[in-house]
Each structure stands twice: as structure tokens, then as C-alpha cells.
């Protein structure tokens, strides 16, 4: 599965040099940032129930909200749609309940942050 640097928060972790010239994916990354097209972000989640496998569909009210990327015990990482996270409601994946956690450093482009 491919994702872009901005979905994983690399820009906020100083993992992207906006002054550097050519690198693989540079045009897409810059265009996405400056047009504000980030619709998904990688979120830490708490898991209530059996941890879903990597690649499991994450849903909100039966509608696709993202994809589980990894898990260990009660915690995991999921690529989630920002509009689904803004609902401030629990998400589901393979029978487990997921609750997104927003790290203090994470800035979201939505006006209604979790």
C-alpha cells in the first residue's frame, strides 16, 4: 500500500525539506501541501477488542473511514479520513472498536479537531 509523506505527518515531524529541490515524489508532495488536499492522516488508535489485521477496513456507521495499518495489543496505527475523525465517535474494524488519538504536535486542516 502506498501513501504520501503528508498523510504520515512527516512534514510536522520535520521529515520534509520544503527548500530542497528534486526528490522522488517532490512535485506531488508540494502540490498536495499547498493546495490543502490532505484528506487522510495516520493516527494512533486505541483498540477495544481483538486487534484487526493490517489492511482491515475501518468504518464509521458502516461507511469506509480508513484502513488499519498495524497493531500491537491495545494500540495501533490507522490511516483515517479526517472527516470521519472529526465526528468524534468510535470507529470499527473487524469487530473491534477503535478510538483515534491525536498527538499534541499534530495539526489538522479541519476546523473541528478531535
PDB file of N, CA and C in Angstrom:
ATOM      1  N   UNK A   1       0.846  -1.176   0.000  1.00  0.00           N
ATOM      2  CA  UNK A   1       0.000   0.000   0.000  1.00  0.00           C
ATOM      3  C   UNK A   1       0.890   1.237   0.000  1.00  0.00           C
ATOM      4  N   UNK A   2       0.558   2.180  -0.842  1.00  0.00           N
ATOM      5  CA  UNK A   2       1.322   3.419  -0.906  1.00  0.00           C
ATOM      6  C   UNK A   2       0.580   4.522  -0.174  1.00  0.00           C
ATOM      7  N   UNK A   3       1.346   5.404   0.413  1.00  0.00           N
ATOM      8  CA  UNK A   3       0.773   6.610   0.996  1.00  0.00           C
ATOM      9  C   UNK A   3       1.790   7.719   0.782  1.00  0.00           C
ATOM     10  N   UNK A   4       1.341   8.947   0.936  1.00  0.00           N
ATOM     11  CA  UNK A   4       2.255  10.061   0.737  1.00  0.00           C
ATOM     12  C   UNK A   4       2.781  10.541   2.089  1.00  0.00           C
ATOM     13  N   UNK A   5       3.910  11.221   2.054  1.00  0.00           N
ATOM     14  CA  UNK A   5       4.563  11.678   3.284  1.00  0.00           C
ATOM     15  C   UNK A   5       3.641  12.490   4.182  1.00  0.00           C
ATOM     16  N   UNK A   6       2.811  13.321   3.582  1.00  0.00           N
ATOM     17  CA  UNK A   6       1.966  14.207   4.374  1.00  0.00           C
ATOM     18  C   UNK A   6       0.883  13.448   5.130  1.00  0.00           C
ATOM     19  N   UNK A   7       0.427  12.327   4.604  1.00  0.00           N
ATOM     20  CA  UNK A   7      -0.564  11.517   5.310  1.00  0.00           C
ATOM     21  C   UNK A   7       0.027  10.909   6.576  1.00  0.00           C
ATOM     22  N   UNK A   8       1.330  10.718   6.582  1.00  0.00           N
ATOM     23  CA  UNK A   8       2.003  10.120   7.735  1.00  0.00           C
ATOM     24  C   UNK A   8       2.549  11.162   8.703  1.00  0.00           C
ATOM     25  N   UNK A   9       2.324  12.442   8.418  1.00  0.00           N
ATOM     26  CA  UNK A   9       2.752  13.501   9.322  1.00  0.00           C
ATOM     27  C   UNK A   9       4.227  13.851   9.234  1.00  0.00           C
ATOM     28  N   UNK A  10       4.910  13.402   8.180  1.00  0.00           N
ATOM     29  CA  UNK A  10       6.343  13.669   8.068  1.00  0.00           C
ATOM     30  C   UNK A  10       6.648  15.159   8.029  1.00  0.00           C
ATOM     31  N   UNK A  11       5.774  15.961   7.467  1.00  0.00           N
ATOM     32  CA  UNK A  11       6.016  17.400   7.417  1.00  0.00           C
ATOM     33  C   UNK A  11       6.046  17.999   8.819  1.00  0.00           C
ATOM     34  N   UNK A  12       5.169  17.548   9.701  1.00  0.00           N
ATOM     35  CA  UNK A  12       5.127  18.075  11.062  1.00  0.00           C
ATOM     36  C   UNK A  12       6.257  17.538  11.931  1.00  0.00           C
ATOM     37  N   UNK A  13       6.870  16.452  11.512  1.00  0.00           N
ATOM     38  CA  UNK A  13       7.994  15.868  12.242  1.00  0.00           C
ATOM     39  C   UNK A  13       9.331  16.285  11.633  1.00  0.00           C
ATOM     40  N   UNK A  14       9.296  17.319  10.794  1.00  0.00           N
ATOM     41  CA  UNK A  14      10.479  17.850  10.107  1.00  0.00           C
ATOM     42  C   UNK A  14      11.125  16.819   9.195  1.00  0.00           C
ATOM     43  N   UNK A  15      10.316  15.959   8.620  1.00  0.00           N
ATOM     44  CA  UNK A  15      10.814  14.937   7.703  1.00  0.00           C
ATOM     45  C   UNK A  15      10.756  15.347   6.248  1.00  0.00           C
ATOM     46  N   UNK A  16      10.278  16.575   5.978  1.00  0.00           N
ATOM     47  CA  UNK A  16      10.201  17.081   4.610  1.00  0.00           C
ATOM     48  C   UNK A  16      10.905  18.425   4.578  1.00  0.00           C
ATOM     49  N   UNK A  17      11.855  18.575   3.674  1.00  0.00           N
ATOM     50  CA  UNK A  17      12.551  19.846   3.489  1.00  0.00           C
ATOM     51  C   UNK A  17      11.894  20.566   2.317  1.00  0.00           C
ATOM     52  N   UNK A  18      11.131  21.628   2.620  1.00  0.00           N
ATOM     53  CA  UNK A  18      10.399  22.344   1.572  1.00  0.00           C
ATOM     54  C   UNK A  18      11.317  23.205   0.719  1.00  0.00           C
ATOM     55  N   UNK A  19      12.574  23.394   1.139  1.00  0.00           N
ATOM     56  CA  UNK A  19      13.527  24.191   0.368  1.00  0.00           C
ATOM     57  C   UNK A  19      14.359  23.347  -0.589  1.00  0.00           C
ATOM     58  N   UNK A  20      14.399  22.033  -0.336  1.00  0.00           N
ATOM     59  CA  UNK A  20      15.216  21.138  -1.157  1.00  0.00           C
ATOM     60  C   UNK A  20      14.592  20.976  -2.534  1.00  0.00           C
ATOM     61  N   UNK A  21      15.429  20.823  -3.503  1.00  0.00           N
ATOM     62  CA  UNK A  21      14.968  20.603  -4.870  1.00  0.00           C
ATOM     63  C   UNK A  21      14.521  19.179  -5.091  1.00  0.00           C
ATOM     64  N   UNK A  22      14.812  18.673  -6.229  1.00  0.00           N
ATOM     65  CA  UNK A  22      14.289  17.391  -6.721  1.00  0.00           C
ATOM     66  C   UNK A  22      14.504  16.205  -5.783  1.00  0.00           C
ATOM     67  N   UNK A  23      13.430  15.487  -5.526  1.00  0.00           N
ATOM     68  CA  UNK A  23      13.467  14.186  -4.875  1.00  0.00           C
ATOM     69  C   UNK A  23      12.234  13.431  -5.349  1.00  0.00           C
ATOM     70  N   UNK A  24      12.258  12.134  -5.217  1.00  0.00           N
ATOM     71  CA  UNK A  24      11.152  11.320  -5.698  1.00  0.00           C
ATOM     72  C   UNK A  24       9.872  11.707  -4.958  1.00  0.00           C
ATOM     73  N   UNK A  25       8.837  12.044  -5.697  1.00  0.00           N
ATOM     74  CA  UNK A  25       7.563  12.433  -5.123  1.00  0.00           C
ATOM     75  C   UNK A  25       7.465  13.890  -4.729  1.00  0.00           C
ATOM     76  N   UNK A  26       8.499  14.680  -5.015  1.00  0.00           N
ATOM     77  CA  UNK A  26       8.544  16.081  -4.605  1.00  0.00           C
ATOM     78  C   UNK A  26       7.392  16.898  -5.185  1.00  0.00           C
ATOM     79  N   UNK A  27       7.085  16.724  -6.451  1.00  0.00           N
ATOM     80  CA  UNK A  27       6.024  17.521  -7.074  1.00  0.00           C
ATOM     81  C   UNK A  27       4.661  17.207  -6.465  1.00  0.00           C
ATOM     82  N   UNK A  28       4.359  15.928  -6.297  1.00  0.00           N
ATOM     83  CA  UNK A  28       3.083  15.533  -5.693  1.00  0.00           C
ATOM     84  C   UNK A  28       2.989  16.019  -4.253  1.00  0.00           C
ATOM     85  N   UNK A  29       4.067  15.869  -3.497  1.00  0.00           N
ATOM     86  CA  UNK A  29       4.071  16.278  -2.096  1.00  0.00           C
ATOM     87  C   UNK A  29       3.840  17.783  -1.970  1.00  0.00           C
ATOM     88  N   UNK A  30       4.564  18.578  -2.757  1.00  0.00           N
ATOM     89  CA  UNK A  30       4.416  20.035  -2.701  1.00  0.00           C
ATOM     90  C   UNK A  30       3.020  20.461  -3.153  1.00  0.00           C
ATOM     91  N   UNK A  31       2.545  19.901  -4.236  1.00  0.00           N
ATOM     92  CA  UNK A  31       1.214  20.254  -4.751  1.00  0.00           C
ATOM     93  C   UNK A  31       0.134  19.927  -3.709  1.00  0.00           C
ATOM     94  N   UNK A  32       0.259  18.782  -3.077  1.00  0.00           N
ATOM     95  CA  UNK A  32      -0.721  18.374  -2.067  1.00  0.00           C
ATOM     96  C   UNK A  32      -0.711  19.327  -0.881  1.00  0.00           C
ATOM     97  N   UNK A  33       0.478  19.707  -0.422  1.00  0.00           N
ATOM     98  CA  UNK A  33       0.583  20.620   0.724  1.00  0.00           C
ATOM     99  C   UNK A  33      -0.015  21.981   0.400  1.00  0.00           C
ATOM    100  N   UNK A  34       0.385  22.567  -0.706  1.00  0.00           N
ATOM    101  CA  UNK A  34      -0.016  23.935  -0.997  1.00  0.00           C
ATOM    102  C   UNK A  34      -1.460  24.055  -1.460  1.00  0.00           C
ATOM    103  N   UNK A  35      -2.049  22.980  -1.916  1.00  0.00           N
ATOM    104  CA  UNK A  35      -3.471  23.004  -2.279  1.00  0.00           C
ATOM    105  C   UNK A  35      -4.356  22.534  -1.125  1.00  0.00           C
ATOM    106  N   UNK A  36      -3.743  22.070  -0.055  1.00  0.00           N
ATOM    107  CA  UNK A  36      -4.501  21.619   1.105  1.00  0.00           C
ATOM    108  C   UNK A  36      -5.368  20.409   0.814  1.00  0.00           C
ATOM    109  N   UNK A  37      -4.802  19.436   0.104  1.00  0.00           N
ATOM    110  CA  UNK A  37      -5.569  18.283  -0.342  1.00  0.00           C
ATOM    111  C   UNK A  37      -5.449  17.055   0.558  1.00  0.00           C
ATOM    112  N   UNK A  38      -4.943  17.218   1.752  1.00  0.00           N
ATOM    113  CA  UNK A  38      -4.797  16.068   2.643  1.00  0.00           C
ATOM    114  C   UNK A  38      -6.177  15.693   3.177  1.00  0.00           C
ATOM    115  N   UNK A  39      -6.627  14.504   2.844  1.00  0.00           N
ATOM    116  CA  UNK A  39      -7.941  14.020   3.274  1.00  0.00           C
ATOM    117  C   UNK A  39      -7.826  12.908   4.309  1.00  0.00           C
ATOM    118  N   UNK A  40      -6.625  12.312   4.415  1.00  0.00           N
ATOM    119  CA  UNK A  40      -6.389  11.196   5.338  1.00  0.00           C
ATOM    120  C   UNK A  40      -5.108  11.461   6.110  1.00  0.00           C
ATOM    121  N   UNK A  41      -5.055  10.926   7.324  1.00  0.00           N
ATOM    122  CA  UNK A  41      -3.840  11.016   8.135  1.00  0.00           C
ATOM    123  C   UNK A  41      -3.658   9.709   8.888  1.00  0.00           C
ATOM    124  N   UNK A  42      -2.414   9.418   9.202  1.00  0.00           N
ATOM    125  CA  UNK A  42      -2.081   8.251  10.006  1.00  0.00           C
ATOM    126  C   UNK A  42      -2.275   8.627  11.477  1.00  0.00           C
ATOM    127  N   UNK A  43      -3.161   7.913  12.153  1.00  0.00           N
ATOM    128  CA  UNK A  43      -3.483   8.193  13.552  1.00  0.00           C
ATOM    129  C   UNK A  43      -3.138   7.005  14.434  1.00  0.00           C
ATOM    130  N   UNK A  44      -2.603   7.269  15.628  1.00  0.00           N
ATOM    131  CA  UNK A  44      -2.563   6.208  16.623  1.00  0.00           C
ATOM    132  C   UNK A  44      -3.998   5.972  17.088  1.00  0.00           C
ATOM    133  N   UNK A  45      -4.324   4.731  17.377  1.00  0.00           N
ATOM    134  CA  UNK A  45      -5.670   4.390  17.849  1.00  0.00           C
ATOM    135  C   UNK A  45      -5.567   3.440  19.036  1.00  0.00           C
ATOM    136  N   UNK A  46      -6.546   3.530  19.925  1.00  0.00           N
ATOM    137  CA  UNK A  46      -6.689   2.503  20.953  1.00  0.00           C
ATOM    138  C   UNK A  46      -7.697   1.493  20.420  1.00  0.00           C
ATOM    139  N   UNK A  47      -7.503   0.244  20.787  1.00  0.00           N
ATOM    140  CA  UNK A  47      -8.327  -0.845  20.272  1.00  0.00           C
ATOM    141  C   UNK A  47      -9.045  -1.527  21.429  1.00  0.00           C
ATOM    142  N   UNK A  48     -10.355  -1.612  21.316  1.00  0.00           N
ATOM    143  CA  UNK A  48     -11.162  -2.352  22.282  1.00  0.00           C
ATOM    144  C   UNK A  48     -11.681  -3.588  21.556  1.00  0.00           C
ATOM    145  N   UNK A  49     -11.124  -4.740  21.886  1.00  0.00           N
ATOM    146  CA  UNK A  49     -11.462  -5.979  21.201  1.00  0.00           C
ATOM    147  C   UNK A  49     -10.215  -6.593  20.596  1.00  0.00           C
ATOM    148  N   UNK A  50     -10.388  -7.596  19.762  1.00  0.00           N
ATOM    149  CA  UNK A  50      -9.249  -8.244  19.098  1.00  0.00           C
ATOM    150  C   UNK A  50      -8.640  -7.295  18.080  1.00  0.00           C
ATOM    151  N   UNK A  51      -7.314  -7.126  18.094  1.00  0.00           N
ATOM    152  CA  UNK A  51      -6.676  -6.217  17.142  1.00  0.00           C
ATOM    153  C   UNK A  51      -6.954  -6.631  15.697  1.00  0.00           C
ATOM    154  N   UNK A  52      -7.439  -5.703  14.871  1.00  0.00           N
ATOM    155  CA  UNK A  52      -7.684  -6.017  13.464  1.00  0.00           C
ATOM    156  C   UNK A  52      -6.364  -6.195  12.722  1.00  0.00           C
ATOM    157  N   UNK A  53      -6.345  -7.017  11.685  1.00  0.00           N
ATOM    158  CA  UNK A  53      -5.119  -7.203  10.913  1.00  0.00           C
ATOM    159  C   UNK A  53      -4.803  -5.977  10.059  1.00  0.00           C
ATOM    160  N   UNK A  54      -3.550  -5.873   9.672  1.00  0.00           N
ATOM    161  CA  UNK A  54      -3.134  -4.818   8.757  1.00  0.00           C
ATOM    162  C   UNK A  54      -3.944  -4.929   7.472  1.00  0.00           C
ATOM    163  N   UNK A  55      -4.445  -3.806   7.002  1.00  0.00           N
ATOM    164  CA  UNK A  55      -5.248  -3.790   5.785  1.00  0.00           C
ATOM    165  C   UNK A  55      -6.737  -3.886   6.028  1.00  0.00           C
ATOM    166  N   UNK A  56      -7.145  -4.120   7.282  1.00  0.00           N
ATOM    167  CA  UNK A  56      -8.574  -4.227   7.592  1.00  0.00           C
ATOM    168  C   UNK A  56      -9.270  -2.890   7.353  1.00  0.00           C
ATOM    169  N   UNK A  57     -10.465  -2.959   6.823  1.00  0.00           N
ATOM    170  CA  UNK A  57     -11.274  -1.778   6.565  1.00  0.00           C
ATOM    171  C   UNK A  57     -11.763  -1.197   7.887  1.00  0.00           C
ATOM    172  N   UNK A  58     -11.602   0.116   8.051  1.00  0.00           N
ATOM    173  CA  UNK A  58     -12.111   0.830   9.222  1.00  0.00           C
ATOM    174  C   UNK A  58     -13.385   1.541   8.778  1.00  0.00           C
ATOM    175  N   UNK A  59     -14.439   1.426   9.577  1.00  0.00           N
ATOM    176  CA  UNK A  59     -15.717   2.019   9.191  1.00  0.00           C
ATOM    177  C   UNK A  59     -16.292   2.907  10.287  1.00  0.00           C
ATOM    178  N   UNK A  60     -17.175   3.801   9.862  1.00  0.00           N
ATOM    179  CA  UNK A  60     -17.973   4.638  10.750  1.00  0.00           C
ATOM    180  C   UNK A  60     -19.404   4.528  10.243  1.00  0.00           C
ATOM    181  N   UNK A  61     -20.282   3.987  11.047  1.00  0.00           N
ATOM    182  CA  UNK A  61     -21.678   3.763  10.645  1.00  0.00           C
ATOM    183  C   UNK A  61     -21.778   2.963   9.350  1.00  0.00           C
ATOM    184  N   UNK A  62     -20.901   1.975   9.193  1.00  0.00           N
ATOM    185  CA  UNK A  62     -20.934   1.110   8.023  1.00  0.00           C
ATOM    186  C   UNK A  62     -20.305   1.690   6.771  1.00  0.00           C
ATOM    187  N   UNK A  63     -19.798   2.922   6.847  1.00  0.00           N
ATOM    188  CA  UNK A  63     -19.157   3.564   5.693  1.00  0.00           C
ATOM    189  C   UNK A  63     -17.647   3.572   5.885  1.00  0.00           C
ATOM    190  N   UNK A  64     -16.925   3.428   4.785  1.00  0.00           N
ATOM    191  CA  UNK A  64     -15.467   3.383   4.849  1.00  0.00           C
ATOM    192  C   UNK A  64     -14.908   4.660   5.461  1.00  0.00           C
ATOM    193  N   UNK A  65     -14.037   4.487   6.459  1.00  0.00           N
ATOM    194  CA  UNK A  65     -13.414   5.619   7.135  1.00  0.00           C
ATOM    195  C   UNK A  65     -11.896   5.541   7.081  1.00  0.00           C
ATOM    196  N   UNK A  66     -11.347   4.405   6.634  1.00  0.00           N
ATOM    197  CA  UNK A  66      -9.906   4.272   6.561  1.00  0.00           C
ATOM    198  C   UNK A  66      -9.471   2.828   6.511  1.00  0.00           C
ATOM    199  N   UNK A  67      -8.201   2.626   6.870  1.00  0.00           N
ATOM    200  CA  UNK A  67      -7.596   1.298   6.809  1.00  0.00           C
ATOM    201  C   UNK A  67      -6.648   1.110   7.977  1.00  0.00           C
ATOM    202  N   UNK A  68      -6.726  -0.037   8.589  1.00  0.00           N
ATOM    203  CA  UNK A  68      -5.811  -0.390   9.675  1.00  0.00           C
ATOM    204  C   UNK A  68      -4.441  -0.645   9.072  1.00  0.00           C
ATOM    205  N   UNK A  69      -3.390  -0.080   9.645  1.00  0.00           N
ATOM    206  CA  UNK A  69      -2.039  -0.281   9.127  1.00  0.00           C
ATOM    207  C   UNK A  69      -1.236  -1.254   9.975  1.00  0.00           C
ATOM    208  N   UNK A  70      -1.369  -1.181  11.294  1.00  0.00           N
ATOM    209  CA  UNK A  70      -0.646  -2.110  12.163  1.00  0.00           C
ATOM    210  C   UNK A  70      -1.257  -2.057  13.553  1.00  0.00           C
ATOM    211  N   UNK A  71      -0.943  -3.069  14.359  1.00  0.00           N
ATOM    212  CA  UNK A  71      -1.429  -3.066  15.734  1.00  0.00           C
ATOM    213  C   UNK A  71      -0.536  -3.942  16.597  1.00  0.00           C
ATOM    214  N   UNK A  72      -0.582  -3.633  17.876  1.00  0.00           N
ATOM    215  CA  UNK A  72       0.115  -4.444  18.877  1.00  0.00           C
ATOM    216  C   UNK A  72      -0.636  -4.251  20.183  1.00  0.00           C
ATOM    217  N   UNK A  73      -1.263  -5.310  20.628  1.00  0.00           N
ATOM    218  CA  UNK A  73      -2.037  -5.215  21.862  1.00  0.00           C
ATOM    219  C   UNK A  73      -3.215  -4.270  21.707  1.00  0.00           C
ATOM    220  N   UNK A  74      -3.326  -3.336  22.622  1.00  0.00           N
ATOM    221  CA  UNK A  74      -4.441  -2.383  22.631  1.00  0.00           C
ATOM    222  C   UNK A  74      -4.214  -1.160  21.759  1.00  0.00           C
ATOM    223  N   UNK A  75      -3.079  -1.081  21.072  1.00  0.00           N
ATOM    224  CA  UNK A  75      -2.763   0.113  20.290  1.00  0.00           C
ATOM    225  C   UNK A  75      -2.485  -0.240  18.839  1.00  0.00           C
ATOM    226  N   UNK A  76      -2.705   0.731  17.974  1.00  0.00           N
ATOM    227  CA  UNK A  76      -2.446   0.502  16.564  1.00  0.00           C
ATOM    228  C   UNK A  76      -2.270   1.810  15.819  1.00  0.00           C
ATOM    229  N   UNK A  77      -2.035   1.677  14.522  1.00  0.00           N
ATOM    230  CA  UNK A  77      -1.960   2.811  13.609  1.00  0.00           C
ATOM    231  C   UNK A  77      -2.976   2.575  12.509  1.00  0.00           C
ATOM    232  N   UNK A  78      -3.731   3.616  12.190  1.00  0.00           N
ATOM    233  CA  UNK A  78      -4.732   3.502  11.133  1.00  0.00           C
ATOM    234  C   UNK A  78      -4.691   4.757  10.275  1.00  0.00           C
ATOM    235  N   UNK A  79      -4.774   4.580   8.966  1.00  0.00           N
ATOM    236  CA  UNK A  79      -4.884   5.696   8.036  1.00  0.00           C
ATOM    237  C   UNK A  79      -6.366   6.031   7.959  1.00  0.00           C
ATOM    238  N   UNK A  80      -6.739   7.208   8.483  1.00  0.00           N
ATOM    239  CA  UNK A  80      -8.149   7.557   8.634  1.00  0.00           C
ATOM    240  C   UNK A  80      -8.513   8.830   7.892  1.00  0.00           C
ATOM    241  N   UNK A  81      -9.720   8.855   7.353  1.00  0.00           N
ATOM    242  CA  UNK A  81     -10.236  10.068   6.726  1.00  0.00           C
ATOM    243  C   UNK A  81     -10.450  11.120   7.809  1.00  0.00           C
ATOM    244  N   UNK A  82     -10.030  12.349   7.543  1.00  0.00           N
ATOM    245  CA  UNK A  82     -10.164  13.417   8.527  1.00  0.00           C
ATOM    246  C   UNK A  82     -11.623  13.712   8.855  1.00  0.00           C
ATOM    247  N   UNK A  83     -12.507  13.618   7.865  1.00  0.00           N
ATOM    248  CA  UNK A  83     -13.916  13.892   8.152  1.00  0.00           C
ATOM    249  C   UNK A  83     -14.503  12.850   9.099  1.00  0.00           C
ATOM    250  N   UNK A  84     -14.038  11.622   9.033  1.00  0.00           N
ATOM    251  CA  UNK A  84     -14.514  10.577   9.949  1.00  0.00           C
ATOM    252  C   UNK A  84     -13.995  10.829  11.363  1.00  0.00           C
ATOM    253  N   UNK A  85     -12.745  11.255  11.485  1.00  0.00           N
ATOM    254  CA  UNK A  85     -12.166  11.543  12.800  1.00  0.00           C
ATOM    255  C   UNK A  85     -12.870  12.741  13.434  1.00  0.00           C
ATOM    256  N   UNK A  86     -13.256  13.716  12.614  1.00  0.00           N
ATOM    257  CA  UNK A  86     -13.919  14.923  13.116  1.00  0.00           C
ATOM    258  C   UNK A  86     -15.284  14.627  13.733  1.00  0.00           C
ATOM    259  N   UNK A  87     -15.831  13.450  13.468  1.00  0.00           N
ATOM    260  CA  UNK A  87     -17.125  13.062  14.050  1.00  0.00           C
ATOM    261  C   UNK A  87     -17.020  12.816  15.559  1.00  0.00           C
ATOM    262  N   UNK A  88     -15.796  12.616  16.065  1.00  0.00           N
ATOM    263  CA  UNK A  88     -15.563  12.352  17.495  1.00  0.00           C
ATOM    264  C   UNK A  88     -16.337  11.129  17.989  1.00  0.00           C
ATOM    265  N   UNK A  89     -16.404  10.112  17.141  1.00  0.00           N
ATOM    266  CA  UNK A  89     -17.105   8.887  17.505  1.00  0.00           C
ATOM    267  C   UNK A  89     -16.184   7.705  17.276  1.00  0.00           C
ATOM    268  N   UNK A  90     -16.496   6.615  17.959  1.00  0.00           N
ATOM    269  CA  UNK A  90     -15.688   5.405  17.814  1.00  0.00           C
ATOM    270  C   UNK A  90     -15.854   4.827  16.414  1.00  0.00           C
ATOM    271  N   UNK A  91     -14.779   4.255  15.917  1.00  0.00           N
ATOM    272  CA  UNK A  91     -14.759   3.611  14.610  1.00  0.00           C
ATOM    273  C   UNK A  91     -14.709   2.101  14.819  1.00  0.00           C
ATOM    274  N   UNK A  92     -14.972   1.347  13.766  1.00  0.00           N
ATOM    275  CA  UNK A  92     -14.973  -0.116  13.862  1.00  0.00           C
ATOM    276  C   UNK A  92     -14.062  -0.727  12.819  1.00  0.00           C
ATOM    277  N   UNK A  93     -13.475  -1.872  13.173  1.00  0.00           N
ATOM    278  CA  UNK A  93     -12.670  -2.660  12.232  1.00  0.00           C
ATOM    279  C   UNK A  93     -12.681  -4.103  12.696  1.00  0.00           C
ATOM    280  N   UNK A  94     -13.225  -4.986  11.876  1.00  0.00           N
ATOM    281  CA  UNK A  94     -13.237  -6.427  12.165  1.00  0.00           C
ATOM    282  C   UNK A  94     -13.797  -6.744  13.552  1.00  0.00           C
ATOM    283  N   UNK A  95     -14.840  -6.032  13.963  1.00  0.00           N
ATOM    284  CA  UNK A  95     -15.479  -6.290  15.250  1.00  0.00           C
ATOM    285  C   UNK A  95     -14.864  -5.553  16.426  1.00  0.00           C
ATOM    286  N   UNK A  96     -13.723  -4.912  16.234  1.00  0.00           N
ATOM    287  CA  UNK A  96     -13.085  -4.140  17.307  1.00  0.00           C
ATOM    288  C   UNK A  96     -13.527  -2.681  17.212  1.00  0.00           C
ATOM    289  N   UNK A  97     -13.489  -1.994  18.336  1.00  0.00           N
ATOM    290  CA  UNK A  97     -13.791  -0.569  18.377  1.00  0.00           C
ATOM    291  C   UNK A  97     -12.475   0.194  18.441  1.00  0.00           C
ATOM    292  N   UNK A  98     -12.326   1.186  17.564  1.00  0.00           N
ATOM    293  CA  UNK A  98     -11.105   1.993  17.502  1.00  0.00           C
ATOM    294  C   UNK A  98     -11.412   3.420  17.936  1.00  0.00           C
ATOM    295  N   UNK A  99     -10.538   3.980  18.743  1.00  0.00           N
ATOM    296  CA  UNK A  99     -10.658   5.377  19.152  1.00  0.00           C
ATOM    297  C   UNK A  99      -9.394   6.104  18.731  1.00  0.00           C
ATOM    298  N   UNK A 100      -9.496   7.050  17.774  1.00  0.00           N
ATOM    299  CA  UNK A 100      -8.319   7.794  17.325  1.00  0.00           C
ATOM    300  C   UNK A 100      -7.759   8.680  18.440  1.00  0.00           C
ATOM    301  N   UNK A 101      -6.444   8.793  18.474  1.00  0.00           N
ATOM    302  CA  UNK A 101      -5.744   9.662  19.415  1.00  0.00           C
ATOM    303  C   UNK A 101      -4.983  10.695  18.596  1.00  0.00           C
ATOM    304  N   UNK A 102      -5.127  11.963  18.938  1.00  0.00           N
ATOM    305  CA  UNK A 102      -4.395  12.996  18.208  1.00  0.00           C
ATOM    306  C   UNK A 102      -3.194  13.441  19.036  1.00  0.00           C
ATOM    307  N   UNK A 103      -1.971  13.168  18.525  1.00  0.00           N
ATOM    308  CA  UNK A 103      -0.783  13.645  19.240  1.00  0.00           C
ATOM    309  C   UNK A 103      -0.809  15.175  19.341  1.00  0.00           C
ATOM    310  N   UNK A 104      -0.230  15.717  20.393  1.00  0.00           N
ATOM    311  CA  UNK A 104      -0.227  17.169  20.602  1.00  0.00           C
ATOM    312  C   UNK A 104       0.392  17.924  19.436  1.00  0.00           C
ATOM    313  N   UNK A 105       1.382  17.329  18.774  1.00  0.00           N
ATOM    314  CA  UNK A 105       2.069  18.020  17.690  1.00  0.00           C
ATOM    315  C   UNK A 105       1.269  18.022  16.388  1.00  0.00           C
ATOM    316  N   UNK A 106       0.253  17.181  16.296  1.00  0.00           N
ATOM    317  CA  UNK A 106      -0.481  17.035  15.035  1.00  0.00           C
ATOM    318  C   UNK A 106      -1.445  18.199  14.811  1.00  0.00           C
ATOM    319  N   UNK A 107      -1.248  18.884  13.697  1.00  0.00           N
ATOM    320  CA  UNK A 107      -2.152  19.955  13.302  1.00  0.00           C
ATOM    321  C   UNK A 107      -3.042  19.417  12.196  1.00  0.00           C
ATOM    322  N   UNK A 108      -4.329  19.596  12.350  1.00  0.00           N
ATOM    323  CA  UNK A 108      -5.267  19.107  11.348  1.00  0.00           C
ATOM    324  C   UNK A 108      -5.837  20.281  10.572  1.00  0.00           C
ATOM    325  N   UNK A 109      -6.166  20.025   9.311  1.00  0.00           N
ATOM    326  CA  UNK A 109      -6.713  21.077   8.480  1.00  0.00           C
ATOM    327  C   UNK A 109      -8.203  21.289   8.690  1.00  0.00           C
ATOM    328  N   UNK A 110      -8.837  20.488   9.516  1.00  0.00           N
ATOM    329  CA  UNK A 110     -10.261  20.673   9.769  1.00  0.00           C
ATOM    330  C   UNK A 110     -10.430  21.676  10.897  1.00  0.00           C
ATOM    331  N   UNK A 111     -11.547  22.376  10.908  1.00  0.00           N
ATOM    332  CA  UNK A 111     -11.798  23.348  11.972  1.00  0.00           C
ATOM    333  C   UNK A 111     -12.309  22.664  13.233  1.00  0.00           C
ATOM    334  N   UNK A 112     -12.688  21.408  13.109  1.00  0.00           N
ATOM    335  CA  UNK A 112     -13.261  20.659  14.226  1.00  0.00           C
ATOM    336  C   UNK A 112     -12.315  19.531  14.610  1.00  0.00           C
ATOM    337  N   UNK A 113     -11.275  19.857  15.373  1.00  0.00           N
ATOM    338  CA  UNK A 113     -10.238  18.882  15.700  1.00  0.00           C
ATOM    339  C   UNK A 113     -10.673  17.961  16.823  1.00  0.00           C
ATOM    340  N   UNK A 114     -10.226  16.662  16.763  1.00  0.00           N
ATOM    341  CA  UNK A 114     -10.519  15.741  17.871  1.00  0.00           C
ATOM    342  C   UNK A 114      -9.666  16.044  19.086  1.00  0.00           C
TER     343      UNK A 114
END
